[in-house]
């Protein structure tokens, strides 16, 4: 595919193929590029990954990078927004721009503080009740991605 992605969606060390497949499907729907930062908790040819993305995977613009430094070489940190339950700023307070990068962490541990605390002003959260520890990764990606698209419509 040869198009300029509207957004870049980064999954930092994702662990669950179903979530990544679902995020891939969201990226196709939104015109976003999916970036996967190793290590991954699955193989990229995993049946479950492809199954969750259904027949959309062939339309997905995606790339796997070996580590954070390689990602930053492609996507400068000045355009990153980091999603973490520890942020105080709601995602809806940001005026997203086309070409921004939305960064999400592992399902089990979230995004390491060492990444988002470098520029905590760019750390965002989806407000949820305290009774819920967190949202599913693919749900959080969809919420943030479609907020950006809503702003651009």
N, C-alpha and C. Protein backbone atom coordinates (compact mmCIF):
# COMPACT_ATOMS: atom_id res chain seq x y z
N UNK A 1 0.83 -1.18 0.00
CA UNK A 1 0.00 0.00 0.00
C UNK A 1 0.87 1.24 0.00
N UNK A 2 0.49 2.18 -0.79
CA UNK A 2 1.27 3.39 -0.88
C UNK A 2 0.40 4.59 -0.55
N UNK A 3 0.21 4.81 0.72
CA UNK A 3 -0.53 5.98 1.16
C UNK A 3 0.16 6.49 2.43
N UNK A 4 -0.06 7.74 2.68
CA UNK A 4 0.49 8.33 3.91
C UNK A 4 -0.51 8.06 5.03
N UNK A 5 -0.09 7.33 6.07
CA UNK A 5 -1.04 7.02 7.14
C UNK A 5 -1.51 8.28 7.87
N UNK A 6 -2.78 8.27 8.24
CA UNK A 6 -3.35 9.38 8.99
C UNK A 6 -2.81 9.41 10.41
N UNK A 7 -2.56 8.24 10.94
CA UNK A 7 -2.03 8.06 12.30
C UNK A 7 -1.04 6.90 12.27
N UNK A 8 -0.20 6.89 13.30
CA UNK A 8 0.67 5.74 13.55
C UNK A 8 0.24 5.17 14.90
N UNK A 9 -0.04 3.89 14.92
CA UNK A 9 -0.43 3.20 16.15
C UNK A 9 0.71 2.27 16.51
N UNK A 10 1.27 2.45 17.71
CA UNK A 10 2.39 1.64 18.17
C UNK A 10 1.93 0.74 19.31
N UNK A 11 2.18 -0.55 19.16
CA UNK A 11 1.99 -1.50 20.26
C UNK A 11 3.37 -1.90 20.74
N UNK A 12 3.69 -1.48 21.95
CA UNK A 12 5.00 -1.76 22.54
C UNK A 12 4.94 -3.13 23.21
N UNK A 13 5.65 -4.08 22.63
CA UNK A 13 5.78 -5.43 23.14
C UNK A 13 4.43 -6.10 23.43
N UNK A 14 3.54 -6.12 22.44
CA UNK A 14 2.22 -6.75 22.65
C UNK A 14 2.36 -8.24 22.93
N UNK A 15 1.42 -8.76 23.71
CA UNK A 15 1.51 -10.15 24.16
C UNK A 15 0.42 -11.06 23.61
N UNK A 16 -0.72 -10.50 23.25
CA UNK A 16 -1.88 -11.31 22.90
C UNK A 16 -2.22 -11.12 21.43
N UNK A 17 -2.15 -12.20 20.64
CA UNK A 17 -2.39 -12.06 19.20
C UNK A 17 -3.80 -11.56 18.86
N UNK A 18 -4.80 -11.97 19.61
CA UNK A 18 -6.16 -11.49 19.33
C UNK A 18 -6.25 -9.97 19.43
N UNK A 19 -5.65 -9.40 20.45
CA UNK A 19 -5.68 -7.94 20.59
C UNK A 19 -4.98 -7.26 19.42
N UNK A 20 -3.82 -7.77 19.05
CA UNK A 20 -3.07 -7.16 17.95
C UNK A 20 -3.84 -7.30 16.65
N UNK A 21 -4.47 -8.43 16.43
CA UNK A 21 -5.30 -8.60 15.23
C UNK A 21 -6.45 -7.61 15.19
N UNK A 22 -7.08 -7.42 16.33
CA UNK A 22 -8.18 -6.47 16.42
C UNK A 22 -7.69 -5.04 16.19
N UNK A 23 -6.54 -4.70 16.74
CA UNK A 23 -5.96 -3.38 16.52
C UNK A 23 -5.63 -3.20 15.03
N UNK A 24 -5.13 -4.24 14.40
CA UNK A 24 -4.86 -4.17 12.97
C UNK A 24 -6.10 -3.85 12.17
N UNK A 25 -7.20 -4.45 12.54
CA UNK A 25 -8.47 -4.20 11.88
C UNK A 25 -8.90 -2.74 12.07
N UNK A 26 -8.73 -2.22 13.28
CA UNK A 26 -9.02 -0.81 13.55
C UNK A 26 -8.15 0.09 12.69
N UNK A 27 -6.88 -0.25 12.55
CA UNK A 27 -5.96 0.56 11.74
C UNK A 27 -6.40 0.61 10.28
N UNK A 28 -6.84 -0.53 9.74
CA UNK A 28 -7.34 -0.55 8.36
C UNK A 28 -8.53 0.39 8.24
N UNK A 29 -9.46 0.31 9.18
CA UNK A 29 -10.67 1.13 9.14
C UNK A 29 -10.35 2.61 9.24
N UNK A 30 -9.29 2.95 9.95
CA UNK A 30 -8.95 4.35 10.21
C UNK A 30 -7.90 4.93 9.28
N UNK A 31 -7.26 4.09 8.48
CA UNK A 31 -6.17 4.58 7.63
C UNK A 31 -4.90 4.83 8.42
N UNK A 32 -4.68 4.02 9.46
CA UNK A 32 -3.50 4.17 10.33
C UNK A 32 -2.49 3.06 10.03
N UNK A 33 -1.24 3.32 10.31
CA UNK A 33 -0.20 2.31 10.19
C UNK A 33 0.06 1.72 11.56
N UNK A 34 0.17 0.40 11.62
CA UNK A 34 0.45 -0.31 12.86
C UNK A 34 1.94 -0.62 12.96
N UNK A 35 2.51 -0.27 14.09
CA UNK A 35 3.91 -0.57 14.40
C UNK A 35 3.94 -1.51 15.59
N UNK A 36 4.71 -2.59 15.49
CA UNK A 36 4.88 -3.54 16.59
C UNK A 36 6.34 -3.50 17.02
N UNK A 37 6.55 -3.26 18.33
CA UNK A 37 7.91 -3.19 18.88
C UNK A 37 8.19 -4.50 19.59
N UNK A 38 9.25 -5.19 19.17
CA UNK A 38 9.65 -6.46 19.78
C UNK A 38 10.20 -6.26 21.17
N UNK A 39 10.15 -7.32 22.00
CA UNK A 39 9.70 -8.67 21.68
C UNK A 39 8.18 -8.76 21.66
N UNK A 40 7.68 -9.65 20.82
CA UNK A 40 6.25 -9.90 20.70
C UNK A 40 5.92 -11.19 21.44
N UNK A 41 4.72 -11.28 21.95
CA UNK A 41 4.29 -12.49 22.65
C UNK A 41 3.71 -13.54 21.72
N UNK A 42 3.96 -13.42 20.43
CA UNK A 42 3.41 -14.31 19.42
C UNK A 42 4.23 -14.14 18.15
N UNK A 43 4.02 -15.02 17.21
CA UNK A 43 4.66 -14.89 15.90
C UNK A 43 3.74 -14.09 14.99
N UNK A 44 4.30 -13.30 14.10
CA UNK A 44 3.46 -12.46 13.24
C UNK A 44 2.69 -13.28 12.21
N UNK A 45 3.02 -14.54 12.05
CA UNK A 45 2.22 -15.39 11.16
C UNK A 45 1.24 -16.25 11.97
N UNK A 46 1.04 -15.90 13.23
CA UNK A 46 0.15 -16.63 14.13
C UNK A 46 -1.28 -16.67 13.58
N UNK A 47 -1.88 -17.83 13.63
CA UNK A 47 -3.26 -18.01 13.17
C UNK A 47 -4.22 -17.08 13.92
N UNK A 48 -4.05 -16.97 15.22
CA UNK A 48 -4.96 -16.16 16.03
C UNK A 48 -4.86 -14.68 15.69
N UNK A 49 -3.66 -14.23 15.38
CA UNK A 49 -3.45 -12.84 14.96
C UNK A 49 -4.23 -12.57 13.68
N UNK A 50 -4.07 -13.43 12.71
CA UNK A 50 -4.76 -13.27 11.43
C UNK A 50 -6.27 -13.44 11.60
N UNK A 51 -6.67 -14.38 12.44
CA UNK A 51 -8.10 -14.64 12.65
C UNK A 51 -8.78 -13.41 13.25
N UNK A 52 -8.15 -12.78 14.22
CA UNK A 52 -8.74 -11.59 14.86
C UNK A 52 -8.84 -10.44 13.87
N UNK A 53 -7.90 -10.35 12.93
CA UNK A 53 -7.94 -9.30 11.92
C UNK A 53 -8.81 -9.65 10.74
N UNK A 54 -9.36 -10.88 10.75
CA UNK A 54 -10.21 -11.40 9.67
C UNK A 54 -9.52 -11.19 8.33
N UNK A 55 -10.27 -10.83 7.34
CA UNK A 55 -9.70 -10.68 6.01
C UNK A 55 -9.13 -9.27 5.78
N UNK A 56 -9.00 -8.50 6.85
CA UNK A 56 -8.48 -7.14 6.72
C UNK A 56 -6.96 -7.09 6.71
N UNK A 57 -6.31 -8.13 7.20
CA UNK A 57 -4.85 -8.09 7.38
C UNK A 57 -4.13 -7.79 6.08
N UNK A 58 -4.65 -8.26 4.97
CA UNK A 58 -4.01 -8.01 3.67
C UNK A 58 -4.04 -6.53 3.30
N UNK A 59 -4.91 -5.75 3.92
CA UNK A 59 -5.02 -4.32 3.62
C UNK A 59 -4.27 -3.45 4.64
N UNK A 60 -3.69 -4.09 5.63
CA UNK A 60 -3.04 -3.36 6.73
C UNK A 60 -1.63 -2.92 6.35
N UNK A 61 -1.35 -1.67 6.62
CA UNK A 61 0.02 -1.15 6.53
C UNK A 61 0.64 -1.37 7.90
N UNK A 62 1.69 -2.19 7.99
CA UNK A 62 2.27 -2.50 9.30
C UNK A 62 3.76 -2.76 9.17
N UNK A 63 4.43 -2.63 10.32
CA UNK A 63 5.87 -2.83 10.36
C UNK A 63 6.26 -3.29 11.76
N UNK A 64 7.20 -4.20 11.82
CA UNK A 64 7.76 -4.67 13.09
C UNK A 64 9.15 -4.10 13.22
N UNK A 65 9.46 -3.55 14.40
CA UNK A 65 10.81 -3.05 14.68
C UNK A 65 11.38 -3.81 15.87
N UNK A 66 12.69 -3.90 15.92
CA UNK A 66 13.34 -4.71 16.94
C UNK A 66 13.33 -4.10 18.33
N UNK A 67 13.31 -2.76 18.41
CA UNK A 67 13.35 -2.12 19.74
C UNK A 67 12.88 -0.68 19.63
N UNK A 68 12.82 -0.04 20.79
CA UNK A 68 12.32 1.34 20.86
C UNK A 68 13.17 2.29 20.04
N UNK A 69 14.49 2.14 20.09
CA UNK A 69 15.37 3.04 19.35
C UNK A 69 15.11 2.98 17.84
N UNK A 70 14.84 1.79 17.34
CA UNK A 70 14.54 1.67 15.91
C UNK A 70 13.21 2.36 15.58
N UNK A 71 12.23 2.24 16.47
CA UNK A 71 10.96 2.93 16.26
C UNK A 71 11.18 4.44 16.19
N UNK A 72 11.93 4.97 17.14
CA UNK A 72 12.17 6.42 17.22
C UNK A 72 12.93 6.91 15.98
N UNK A 73 13.73 6.07 15.38
CA UNK A 73 14.42 6.44 14.14
C UNK A 73 13.41 6.67 13.01
N UNK A 74 12.28 5.98 13.06
CA UNK A 74 11.24 6.13 12.05
C UNK A 74 10.19 7.18 12.43
N UNK A 75 9.88 7.25 13.73
CA UNK A 75 8.79 8.10 14.22
C UNK A 75 9.31 8.96 15.37
N UNK A 76 9.69 10.19 15.10
CA UNK A 76 10.27 11.05 16.14
C UNK A 76 9.34 11.23 17.34
N UNK A 77 9.93 11.27 18.52
CA UNK A 77 9.15 11.33 19.76
C UNK A 77 8.33 12.61 19.90
N UNK A 78 8.66 13.65 19.16
CA UNK A 78 7.90 14.90 19.26
C UNK A 78 6.45 14.73 18.85
N UNK A 79 6.13 13.67 18.13
CA UNK A 79 4.76 13.43 17.67
C UNK A 79 4.08 12.30 18.44
N UNK A 80 4.73 11.78 19.48
CA UNK A 80 4.19 10.65 20.24
C UNK A 80 3.21 11.12 21.32
N UNK A 81 2.15 10.35 21.49
CA UNK A 81 1.27 10.44 22.65
C UNK A 81 1.27 9.08 23.31
N UNK A 82 1.51 9.05 24.61
CA UNK A 82 1.69 7.81 25.36
C UNK A 82 0.44 7.53 26.19
N UNK A 83 -0.15 6.37 25.99
CA UNK A 83 -1.36 6.01 26.73
C UNK A 83 -1.00 5.15 27.93
N UNK A 84 -1.37 5.66 29.12
CA UNK A 84 -1.08 4.96 30.36
C UNK A 84 -2.15 5.30 31.39
N UNK A 85 -2.48 4.34 32.22
CA UNK A 85 -3.48 4.60 33.26
C UNK A 85 -2.93 5.54 34.34
N UNK A 86 -1.63 5.80 34.32
CA UNK A 86 -1.02 6.67 35.32
C UNK A 86 -1.01 8.14 34.90
N UNK A 87 -1.40 8.42 33.68
CA UNK A 87 -1.46 9.82 33.22
C UNK A 87 -2.64 10.52 33.89
N UNK A 88 -2.55 11.83 33.95
CA UNK A 88 -3.66 12.61 34.51
C UNK A 88 -4.46 13.32 33.41
N UNK A 89 -3.90 13.48 32.26
CA UNK A 89 -4.53 14.23 31.17
C UNK A 89 -5.43 13.29 30.34
N UNK A 90 -6.70 13.62 30.20
CA UNK A 90 -7.58 12.79 29.37
C UNK A 90 -7.24 12.92 27.88
N UNK A 91 -7.38 11.82 27.17
CA UNK A 91 -7.10 11.79 25.74
C UNK A 91 -7.93 12.81 24.97
N UNK A 92 -9.10 13.14 25.47
CA UNK A 92 -10.00 14.06 24.77
C UNK A 92 -9.56 15.52 24.88
N UNK A 93 -8.54 15.81 25.68
CA UNK A 93 -8.03 17.17 25.81
C UNK A 93 -6.98 17.53 24.76
N UNK A 94 -6.66 16.59 23.89
CA UNK A 94 -5.60 16.79 22.90
C UNK A 94 -6.22 17.10 21.54
N UNK A 95 -5.61 18.03 20.83
CA UNK A 95 -5.97 18.28 19.44
C UNK A 95 -5.00 17.47 18.58
N UNK A 96 -5.43 16.28 18.21
CA UNK A 96 -4.57 15.40 17.42
C UNK A 96 -4.40 15.96 16.02
N UNK A 97 -3.21 15.69 15.46
CA UNK A 97 -2.90 16.11 14.10
C UNK A 97 -2.61 14.88 13.27
N UNK A 98 -2.94 14.96 11.99
CA UNK A 98 -2.63 13.84 11.11
C UNK A 98 -1.12 13.59 11.13
N UNK A 99 -0.76 12.32 11.24
CA UNK A 99 0.64 11.94 11.33
C UNK A 99 1.12 11.71 12.75
N UNK A 100 0.29 12.00 13.75
CA UNK A 100 0.67 11.75 15.14
C UNK A 100 0.85 10.25 15.39
N UNK A 101 1.55 9.95 16.47
CA UNK A 101 1.81 8.57 16.88
C UNK A 101 1.18 8.32 18.23
N UNK A 102 0.34 7.29 18.32
CA UNK A 102 -0.30 6.90 19.57
C UNK A 102 0.39 5.61 20.03
N UNK A 103 0.95 5.66 21.24
CA UNK A 103 1.76 4.55 21.75
C UNK A 103 1.04 3.87 22.90
N UNK A 104 0.95 2.54 22.82
CA UNK A 104 0.25 1.72 23.82
C UNK A 104 1.18 0.61 24.30
N UNK A 105 1.03 0.23 25.56
CA UNK A 105 1.92 -0.76 26.16
C UNK A 105 1.37 -2.18 26.16
N UNK A 106 2.12 -3.05 26.83
CA UNK A 106 1.77 -4.47 26.94
C UNK A 106 0.47 -4.65 27.70
N UNK A 107 -0.22 -5.71 27.36
CA UNK A 107 -1.48 -6.01 28.03
C UNK A 107 -1.29 -6.25 29.52
N UNK A 108 -0.21 -6.92 29.91
CA UNK A 108 -0.03 -7.28 31.32
C UNK A 108 0.56 -6.17 32.17
N UNK A 109 1.35 -5.28 31.58
CA UNK A 109 2.07 -4.30 32.38
C UNK A 109 1.92 -2.86 31.91
N UNK A 110 1.29 -2.66 30.77
CA UNK A 110 1.15 -1.31 30.26
C UNK A 110 2.45 -0.79 29.67
N UNK A 111 2.51 0.49 29.54
CA UNK A 111 3.67 1.16 28.95
C UNK A 111 4.68 1.48 30.04
N UNK A 112 5.94 1.10 29.87
CA UNK A 112 6.94 1.40 30.90
C UNK A 112 7.05 2.91 31.16
N UNK A 113 7.14 3.26 32.42
CA UNK A 113 7.27 4.67 32.81
C UNK A 113 8.50 5.31 32.17
N UNK A 114 9.53 4.53 31.94
CA UNK A 114 10.76 5.08 31.35
C UNK A 114 10.51 5.66 29.96
N UNK A 115 9.46 5.22 29.29
CA UNK A 115 9.15 5.77 27.97
C UNK A 115 8.31 7.03 28.08
N UNK A 116 7.22 6.98 28.84
CA UNK A 116 6.32 8.13 28.85
C UNK A 116 6.73 9.24 29.80
N UNK A 117 7.52 8.96 30.80
CA UNK A 117 7.92 10.02 31.74
C UNK A 117 8.94 10.97 31.15
N UNK A 118 9.53 10.64 30.03
CA UNK A 118 10.45 11.56 29.35
C UNK A 118 9.74 12.85 28.95
N UNK A 119 8.46 12.71 28.63
CA UNK A 119 7.64 13.87 28.29
C UNK A 119 6.23 13.60 28.82
N UNK A 120 6.08 13.72 30.12
CA UNK A 120 4.81 13.38 30.79
C UNK A 120 3.65 14.24 30.31
N UNK A 121 3.93 15.39 29.72
CA UNK A 121 2.85 16.24 29.20
C UNK A 121 2.15 15.58 28.01
N UNK A 122 2.79 14.57 27.42
CA UNK A 122 2.22 13.86 26.28
C UNK A 122 1.65 12.50 26.70
N UNK A 123 1.55 12.28 28.01
CA UNK A 123 0.94 11.05 28.52
C UNK A 123 -0.55 11.27 28.67
N UNK A 124 -1.33 10.33 28.16
CA UNK A 124 -2.78 10.46 28.15
C UNK A 124 -3.44 9.23 28.76
N UNK A 125 -4.66 9.42 29.20
CA UNK A 125 -5.44 8.31 29.75
C UNK A 125 -6.86 8.37 29.24
N UNK A 126 -7.47 7.21 29.23
CA UNK A 126 -8.91 7.11 28.99
C UNK A 126 -9.53 7.02 30.37
N UNK A 127 -10.31 8.01 30.78
CA UNK A 127 -10.88 7.99 32.13
C UNK A 127 -11.84 6.80 32.31
N UNK A 128 -11.61 6.04 33.36
CA UNK A 128 -12.49 4.93 33.70
C UNK A 128 -12.71 4.93 35.21
N UNK A 129 -13.73 4.22 35.64
CA UNK A 129 -14.01 4.10 37.07
C UNK A 129 -12.91 3.31 37.76
N UNK A 130 -12.69 3.59 39.02
CA UNK A 130 -11.67 2.89 39.79
C UNK A 130 -11.95 1.40 39.92
N UNK A 131 -13.22 1.01 39.80
CA UNK A 131 -13.57 -0.41 39.91
C UNK A 131 -12.94 -1.25 38.80
N UNK A 132 -12.59 -0.62 37.68
CA UNK A 132 -11.93 -1.32 36.58
C UNK A 132 -10.45 -1.00 36.61
N UNK A 133 -9.63 -2.03 36.63
CA UNK A 133 -8.17 -1.84 36.67
C UNK A 133 -7.68 -1.18 35.37
N UNK A 134 -8.25 -1.62 34.25
CA UNK A 134 -7.85 -1.07 32.96
C UNK A 134 -8.86 -1.50 31.90
N UNK A 135 -8.71 -0.95 30.71
CA UNK A 135 -9.51 -1.37 29.56
C UNK A 135 -8.69 -2.35 28.73
N UNK A 136 -9.37 -3.11 27.92
CA UNK A 136 -8.69 -3.98 26.96
C UNK A 136 -7.87 -3.13 26.00
N UNK A 137 -6.71 -3.59 25.64
CA UNK A 137 -5.82 -2.85 24.76
C UNK A 137 -6.50 -2.46 23.45
N UNK A 138 -7.16 -3.40 22.79
CA UNK A 138 -7.76 -3.07 21.50
C UNK A 138 -8.90 -2.05 21.66
N UNK A 139 -9.60 -2.08 22.78
CA UNK A 139 -10.64 -1.08 23.02
C UNK A 139 -10.04 0.30 23.20
N UNK A 140 -8.96 0.38 23.95
CA UNK A 140 -8.30 1.66 24.19
C UNK A 140 -7.77 2.25 22.89
N UNK A 141 -7.17 1.41 22.06
CA UNK A 141 -6.68 1.89 20.76
C UNK A 141 -7.84 2.43 19.93
N UNK A 142 -8.95 1.71 19.91
CA UNK A 142 -10.10 2.16 19.11
C UNK A 142 -10.64 3.49 19.62
N UNK A 143 -10.75 3.63 20.93
CA UNK A 143 -11.26 4.89 21.50
C UNK A 143 -10.39 6.06 21.07
N UNK A 144 -9.08 5.93 21.23
CA UNK A 144 -8.16 7.02 20.91
C UNK A 144 -8.12 7.29 19.40
N UNK A 145 -8.07 6.25 18.62
CA UNK A 145 -7.99 6.40 17.16
C UNK A 145 -9.21 7.12 16.61
N UNK A 146 -10.38 6.72 17.06
CA UNK A 146 -11.57 7.33 16.51
C UNK A 146 -11.87 8.70 17.11
N UNK A 147 -11.26 9.03 18.23
CA UNK A 147 -11.32 10.41 18.71
C UNK A 147 -10.54 11.31 17.75
N UNK A 148 -9.37 10.86 17.32
CA UNK A 148 -8.59 11.64 16.36
C UNK A 148 -9.39 11.83 15.07
N UNK A 149 -9.97 10.76 14.56
CA UNK A 149 -10.76 10.87 13.33
C UNK A 149 -11.97 11.77 13.51
N UNK A 150 -12.61 11.69 14.67
CA UNK A 150 -13.76 12.56 14.96
C UNK A 150 -13.34 14.02 14.88
N UNK A 151 -12.17 14.33 15.45
CA UNK A 151 -11.71 15.71 15.43
C UNK A 151 -11.47 16.20 14.01
N UNK A 152 -11.05 15.33 13.13
CA UNK A 152 -10.71 15.73 11.75
C UNK A 152 -11.92 15.80 10.84
N UNK A 153 -13.05 15.28 11.30
CA UNK A 153 -14.20 15.24 10.38
C UNK A 153 -14.82 16.59 10.35
